[in-house]
């Protein structure tokens, strides 16, 4: 039998019908360094509680949870620890998890194996959506979702995130999809899967750390958390098993230049092909190259800024849905 555990705080909030927001954990295991990181004056001004003395992944986890709390909801960071599905982590668990350099990346296909073999791993958008839905959590905040990869007609490389959102009743709040994807194809796939895709205050498709693509229009937009809650509630009244997407752009102050990022990405893709990198290894390779070929500090700060913004927005929508 699968072992599940929710923290007392999360369990009580769910029991009492209070708003809860799920947070993924692959950004902690595979996205950010385990060493402390000082930030620019611009970042510290925007996020004065950033703790430069803590490992960067732990500081990010605490920052995302703080953003959820500040907007009125209870955070539930989801992870697999020694084969146990953890819905919410205590402060001690979070510190130990962020210090674990042997944690694996656990997507939908890996959940059973990770549980059976008692592994520790960070959950992706796909697996976090699944666990959140099974736990009764309907709001989930992340950075950017996966989608259809460039060159998909040859590789058939589609992220499991898309099918997971289509089959689990969770509203995923993100900064759109990662720029390394084929964004027009991703938007088409979202339509094919019937996933409502809402822009927050804009109809343009966000591109993770880069400003939105003004050539790609989303099918709908909402202006505030209350409107988002109404639209999603109406969606679930007719399609109760299908998730939805709420997308907002990376905060303008931290968004990266599109042309510079695209050029660096194209170069990285050529290198990946030459090195024979494919499948699940492609995204981490491209993101690492992107960070090293542009200003790595700016990439990290953009990632964190959008993560905190999404956590705050998800909490506001969770509160509106609870009300």
Protein backbone atom coordinates (compact mmCIF):
# COMPACT_ATOMS: atom_id res chain seq x y z
CA UNK A 1 0.00 0.00 0.00
CA UNK A 2 1.28 3.46 -0.89
CA UNK A 3 2.38 5.48 2.12
CA UNK A 4 0.99 9.01 2.19
CA UNK A 5 1.66 11.73 4.72
CA UNK A 6 0.33 15.26 5.02
CA UNK A 7 1.66 17.71 7.57
CA UNK A 8 -0.73 18.61 10.37
CA UNK A 9 -1.11 22.11 8.92
CA UNK A 10 -2.07 20.86 5.46
CA UNK A 11 -4.34 18.10 6.78
CA UNK A 12 -6.21 20.52 9.04
CA UNK A 13 -6.61 23.09 6.26
CA UNK A 14 -8.03 20.48 3.88
CA UNK A 15 -10.34 19.13 6.56
CA UNK A 16 -11.62 22.62 7.37
CA UNK A 17 -12.03 23.63 3.71
CA UNK A 18 -9.37 26.36 3.90
CA UNK A 19 -7.37 27.30 0.79
CA UNK A 20 -4.28 25.20 0.06
CA UNK A 21 -1.74 25.63 -2.75
CA UNK A 22 0.50 22.79 -3.91
CA UNK A 23 4.12 23.50 -4.84
CA UNK A 24 6.38 21.20 -6.86
CA UNK A 25 9.84 20.08 -5.75
CA UNK A 26 11.91 19.40 -8.90
CA UNK A 27 12.97 23.03 -8.86
CA UNK A 28 14.59 22.20 -5.51
CA UNK A 29 16.30 19.00 -6.67
CA UNK A 30 17.12 19.83 -10.28
CA UNK A 31 16.64 23.55 -10.78
CA UNK A 32 18.58 25.48 -8.16
CA UNK A 33 21.97 25.15 -6.51
CA UNK A 34 22.48 23.78 -3.01
CA UNK A 35 24.90 26.58 -2.19
CA UNK A 36 23.96 30.03 -0.84
CA UNK A 37 23.51 32.73 -3.47
CA UNK A 38 23.69 36.48 -3.13
CA UNK A 39 21.24 38.42 -5.27
CA UNK A 40 21.33 41.79 -7.02
CA UNK A 41 20.14 44.94 -5.32
CA UNK A 42 17.12 44.93 -7.66
CA UNK A 43 16.12 41.44 -6.50
CA UNK A 44 16.66 42.17 -2.81
CA UNK A 45 14.55 45.32 -3.13
CA UNK A 46 11.70 43.30 -4.64
CA UNK A 47 12.15 40.33 -2.28
CA UNK A 48 13.72 41.65 0.93
CA UNK A 49 13.23 38.36 2.79
CA UNK A 50 15.59 36.43 0.50
CA UNK A 51 18.11 34.69 2.76
CA UNK A 52 21.51 34.73 1.06
CA UNK A 53 22.97 32.62 3.88
CA UNK A 54 20.81 29.60 3.11
CA UNK A 55 21.27 27.21 0.17
CA UNK A 56 19.57 28.76 -2.86
CA UNK A 57 17.10 25.89 -3.31
CA UNK A 58 16.03 26.07 0.35
CA UNK A 59 15.71 29.87 0.21
CA UNK A 60 13.54 29.48 -2.90
CA UNK A 61 11.32 26.89 -1.23
CA UNK A 62 10.86 29.10 1.81
CA UNK A 63 10.20 32.11 -0.42
CA UNK A 64 7.50 30.31 -2.41
CA UNK A 65 5.82 29.07 0.76
CA UNK A 66 6.00 32.57 2.26
CA UNK A 67 4.37 34.02 -0.87
CA UNK A 68 1.49 31.56 -0.51
CA UNK A 69 1.02 32.40 3.17
CA UNK A 70 1.21 36.15 2.55
CA UNK A 71 -1.72 35.85 0.14
CA UNK A 72 -3.87 33.90 2.58
CA UNK A 73 -3.41 30.21 1.76
CA UNK A 74 -1.56 27.22 3.20
CA UNK A 75 1.44 25.95 1.17
CA UNK A 76 1.87 22.23 0.50
CA UNK A 77 5.27 21.46 -0.99
CA UNK A 78 4.96 17.98 -2.50
CA UNK A 79 7.82 15.48 -2.67
CA UNK A 80 8.66 11.78 -2.45
CA UNK A 81 10.82 10.96 0.59
CA UNK A 82 12.02 7.38 1.13
CA UNK A 83 9.07 6.14 -0.92
CA UNK A 84 6.50 8.13 1.03
CA UNK A 85 4.28 10.64 -0.77
CA UNK A 86 4.61 13.83 1.26
CA UNK A 87 1.92 16.47 0.92
CA UNK A 88 3.53 19.39 2.67
CA UNK A 89 6.94 19.30 4.34
CA UNK A 90 7.92 20.33 7.85
CA UNK A 91 10.80 22.79 8.17
CA UNK A 92 13.14 19.93 9.09
CA UNK A 93 12.00 17.80 6.16
CA UNK A 94 12.41 20.73 3.79
CA UNK A 95 15.98 21.39 4.93
CA UNK A 96 16.93 17.72 4.65
CA UNK A 97 15.23 17.39 1.27
CA UNK A 98 17.03 20.42 -0.16
CA UNK A 99 20.37 19.08 1.10
CA UNK A 100 19.88 15.68 -0.56
CA UNK A 101 22.08 15.57 -3.65
CA UNK A 102 20.93 12.08 -4.61
CA UNK A 103 17.26 12.89 -5.13
CA UNK A 104 15.83 11.79 -8.47
CA UNK A 105 13.37 13.51 -10.80
CA UNK A 106 9.95 11.89 -10.38
CA UNK A 107 7.41 12.36 -13.15
CA UNK A 108 4.13 10.48 -13.64
CA UNK A 109 5.73 7.31 -15.02
CA UNK A 110 8.23 7.22 -12.14
CA UNK A 111 5.82 7.49 -9.20
CA UNK A 112 5.21 3.77 -8.73
CA UNK A 113 8.89 2.88 -9.01
CA UNK A 114 9.96 5.65 -6.61
CA UNK A 115 7.39 4.52 -4.04
CA UNK A 116 8.10 0.79 -4.38
CA UNK A 117 11.89 1.24 -4.20
CA UNK A 118 11.61 3.78 -1.36
CA UNK A 119 13.43 6.50 -3.26
CA UNK A 120 13.59 10.21 -2.61
CA UNK A 121 12.77 12.56 -5.47
CA UNK A 122 11.42 15.90 -6.58
CA UNK A 123 7.99 15.87 -8.20
CA UNK A 124 7.47 17.47 -11.61
CA UNK A 125 4.46 19.46 -12.79
CA UNK A 126 2.88 16.19 -13.96
CA UNK A 127 3.39 14.17 -10.79
CA UNK A 128 2.61 17.12 -8.51
CA UNK A 129 -0.70 17.65 -10.34
CA UNK A 130 -1.55 13.99 -9.82
CA UNK A 131 -0.69 13.97 -6.10
CA UNK A 132 -2.41 17.31 -5.49
CA UNK A 133 -5.62 16.06 -7.12
CA UNK A 134 -5.55 12.81 -5.13
CA UNK A 135 -5.04 14.85 -1.94
CA UNK A 136 -7.98 17.15 -2.62
CA UNK A 137 -5.86 20.18 -3.51
CA UNK A 138 -7.17 22.10 -6.53
CA UNK A 139 -4.53 24.88 -6.85
CA UNK A 140 -0.92 24.35 -7.86
CA UNK A 141 1.77 26.99 -8.48
CA UNK A 142 4.88 26.35 -10.54
CA UNK A 143 7.38 28.19 -12.72
CA UNK A 144 6.75 27.11 -16.30
CA UNK A 145 5.04 24.01 -17.66
CA UNK A 146 6.45 21.54 -20.14
CA UNK A 147 4.89 21.13 -23.56
CA UNK A 148 5.68 20.12 -27.11
CA UNK A 149 9.41 20.16 -27.80
CA UNK A 150 11.00 21.62 -30.89
CA UNK A 151 11.54 18.96 -33.53
CA UNK A 152 8.56 17.03 -32.17
CA UNK A 153 7.64 15.70 -35.62
CA UNK A 154 10.83 13.61 -35.55
CA UNK A 155 11.20 12.85 -31.84
CA UNK A 156 7.54 12.78 -30.68
CA UNK A 157 8.79 14.54 -27.57
CA UNK A 158 5.76 15.76 -25.61
CA UNK A 159 5.92 16.60 -21.94
CA UNK A 160 3.87 14.47 -19.55
CA UNK A 161 2.71 17.78 -18.03
CA UNK A 162 0.12 18.24 -20.76
CA UNK A 163 -1.67 14.92 -20.27
CA UNK A 164 -1.43 15.24 -16.49
CA UNK A 165 -3.16 18.61 -16.51
CA UNK A 166 -5.79 17.27 -18.91
CA UNK A 167 -6.66 14.39 -16.60
CA UNK A 168 -6.44 15.88 -13.09
CA UNK A 169 -8.80 18.58 -11.75
CA UNK A 170 -6.16 21.07 -10.67
CA UNK A 171 -5.71 24.70 -11.72
CA UNK A 172 -2.01 25.12 -12.55
CA UNK A 173 -0.69 28.67 -12.22
CA UNK A 174 2.48 29.25 -14.23
CA UNK A 175 4.46 31.75 -16.26
CA UNK A 176 3.40 29.95 -19.41
CA UNK A 177 5.63 27.36 -21.05
CA UNK A 178 9.41 27.28 -21.25
CA UNK A 179 10.83 29.17 -24.24
CA UNK A 180 12.85 26.13 -25.30
CA UNK A 181 9.58 24.50 -26.42
CA UNK A 182 7.67 24.75 -29.68
CA UNK A 183 5.16 27.24 -28.32
CA UNK A 184 2.68 27.29 -31.25
CA UNK A 185 2.55 23.47 -31.14
CA UNK A 186 2.16 23.56 -27.35
CA UNK A 187 -0.79 25.93 -27.65
CA UNK A 188 -2.35 23.62 -30.25
CA UNK A 189 -1.83 20.62 -27.99
CA UNK A 190 -3.54 22.41 -25.10
CA UNK A 191 -6.53 23.05 -27.34
CA UNK A 192 -6.60 19.44 -28.56
CA UNK A 193 -6.60 18.19 -24.97
CA UNK A 194 -9.40 20.59 -24.08
CA UNK A 195 -7.43 22.37 -21.34
CA UNK A 196 -8.79 25.86 -20.58
CA UNK A 197 -5.88 28.26 -20.96
CA UNK A 198 -6.39 31.62 -19.30
CA UNK A 199 -4.12 34.63 -19.45
CA UNK A 200 -3.97 36.75 -16.32
CA UNK A 201 -4.48 40.34 -17.46
CA UNK A 202 -3.25 39.53 -20.96
CA UNK A 203 -4.15 37.42 -24.01
CA UNK A 204 -0.51 36.84 -25.01
CA UNK A 205 1.18 33.49 -24.36
CA UNK A 206 3.85 33.90 -21.61
CA UNK A 207 7.27 32.38 -22.29
CA UNK A 208 8.58 31.59 -18.81
CA UNK A 209 11.53 33.96 -18.14
CA UNK A 210 11.05 35.88 -21.41
CA UNK A 211 8.41 38.49 -22.19
CA UNK A 212 5.17 37.10 -23.76
CA UNK A 213 4.95 36.20 -27.44
CA UNK A 214 2.65 38.80 -28.99
CA UNK A 215 2.16 36.56 -32.03
CA UNK A 216 0.47 33.89 -29.94
CA UNK A 217 -2.96 34.66 -28.52
CA UNK A 218 -4.52 32.71 -25.68
CA UNK A 219 -8.20 31.81 -26.06
CA UNK A 220 -9.31 33.72 -22.95
CA UNK A 221 -8.16 36.01 -20.17
CA UNK A 222 -9.21 37.04 -16.68
CA UNK A 223 -8.53 40.28 -14.86
CA UNK A 224 -8.44 39.17 -11.24
CA UNK A 225 -8.42 36.16 -8.93
CA UNK A 226 -12.18 36.20 -8.40
CA UNK A 227 -12.85 36.02 -12.14
CA UNK A 228 -10.36 33.18 -12.49
CA UNK A 229 -12.12 31.29 -9.70
CA UNK A 230 -15.50 31.74 -11.41
CA UNK A 231 -14.26 30.52 -14.79
CA UNK A 232 -12.55 27.46 -13.33
CA UNK A 233 -15.57 26.59 -11.17
CA UNK A 234 -17.77 26.77 -14.27
CA UNK A 235 -15.28 24.58 -16.16
CA UNK A 236 -15.34 21.94 -13.42
CA UNK A 237 -19.13 21.98 -13.37
CA UNK A 238 -19.08 20.44 -16.86
CA UNK A 239 -15.63 18.77 -16.97
CA UNK A 240 -14.87 17.75 -13.39
CA UNK A 241 -11.83 15.61 -14.20
CA UNK A 242 -9.93 18.08 -16.42
CA UNK A 243 -7.45 20.63 -15.12
CA UNK A 244 -6.91 24.19 -16.29
CA UNK A 245 -4.07 26.65 -16.79
CA UNK A 246 -3.77 30.22 -15.53
CA UNK A 247 -0.77 31.96 -17.05
CA UNK A 248 0.86 35.23 -16.11
CA UNK A 249 3.99 36.80 -17.56
CA UNK A 250 7.31 36.91 -15.73
CA UNK A 251 7.46 40.19 -13.76
CA UNK A 252 8.55 42.79 -16.30
CA UNK A 253 11.46 44.00 -14.17
CA UNK A 254 13.08 40.56 -14.36
CA UNK A 255 12.06 39.34 -17.84
CA UNK A 256 14.98 38.43 -20.12
CA UNK A 257 15.56 39.85 -23.64
CA UNK A 258 13.79 37.59 -26.13
CA UNK A 259 16.25 37.84 -29.05
CA UNK A 260 19.33 37.18 -26.92
CA UNK A 261 17.65 34.22 -25.24
CA UNK A 262 16.45 32.74 -28.54
CA UNK A 263 19.94 32.98 -30.08
CA UNK A 264 21.53 31.26 -27.06
CA UNK A 265 18.87 28.57 -27.18
CA UNK A 266 19.39 27.80 -30.86
CA UNK A 267 23.12 27.40 -30.25
CA UNK A 268 22.47 25.10 -27.29
CA UNK A 269 20.10 22.95 -29.35
CA UNK A 270 22.79 22.42 -32.01
CA UNK A 271 25.24 21.40 -29.26
CA UNK A 272 22.72 18.99 -27.73
CA UNK A 273 22.18 17.29 -31.07
CA UNK A 274 25.94 17.00 -31.65
CA UNK A 275 26.42 15.45 -28.20
CA UNK A 276 23.55 12.99 -28.69
CA UNK A 277 21.53 14.43 -25.83
CA UNK A 278 17.85 13.60 -26.11
CA UNK A 279 14.73 12.72 -24.15
CA UNK A 280 14.51 13.66 -20.48
CA UNK A 281 18.12 14.90 -20.49
CA UNK A 282 17.39 17.60 -23.08
CA UNK A 283 15.60 20.16 -20.95
CA UNK A 284 18.17 20.27 -18.09
CA UNK A 285 20.99 20.53 -20.65
CA UNK A 286 19.34 23.38 -22.56
CA UNK A 287 18.45 25.30 -19.40
CA UNK A 288 22.00 24.94 -18.07
CA UNK A 289 23.47 26.15 -21.36
CA UNK A 290 20.99 29.01 -21.46
CA UNK A 291 22.04 30.14 -18.00
CA UNK A 292 25.75 29.94 -18.80
CA UNK A 293 25.56 31.60 -22.22
CA UNK A 294 23.49 34.55 -21.06
CA UNK A 295 23.75 36.26 -17.70
CA UNK A 296 23.32 33.37 -15.29
CA UNK A 297 22.42 35.68 -12.42
CA UNK A 298 19.60 37.25 -14.42
CA UNK A 299 18.26 33.81 -15.38
CA UNK A 300 18.15 32.69 -11.75
CA UNK A 301 16.51 35.91 -10.58
CA UNK A 302 13.89 35.74 -13.33
CA UNK A 303 13.10 32.13 -12.37
CA UNK A 304 12.64 33.05 -8.73
CA UNK A 305 10.65 36.22 -9.41
CA UNK A 306 8.10 34.39 -11.53
CA UNK A 307 7.91 31.48 -9.07
CA UNK A 308 7.08 33.81 -6.18
CA UNK A 309 4.59 35.76 -8.30
CA UNK A 310 2.83 32.54 -9.35
CA UNK A 311 2.69 31.28 -5.77
CA UNK A 312 1.05 34.52 -4.68
CA UNK A 313 -1.47 34.48 -7.53
CA UNK A 314 -2.37 30.83 -6.91
CA UNK A 315 -3.04 31.62 -3.23
CA UNK A 316 -5.32 34.51 -4.16
CA UNK A 317 -7.30 32.30 -6.54
CA UNK A 318 -7.45 29.56 -3.89
CA UNK A 319 -8.89 32.07 -1.44
CA UNK A 320 -11.42 33.26 -4.01
CA UNK A 321 -12.49 29.69 -4.69
CA UNK A 322 -12.77 29.00 -0.97
CA UNK A 323 -14.93 32.08 -0.50
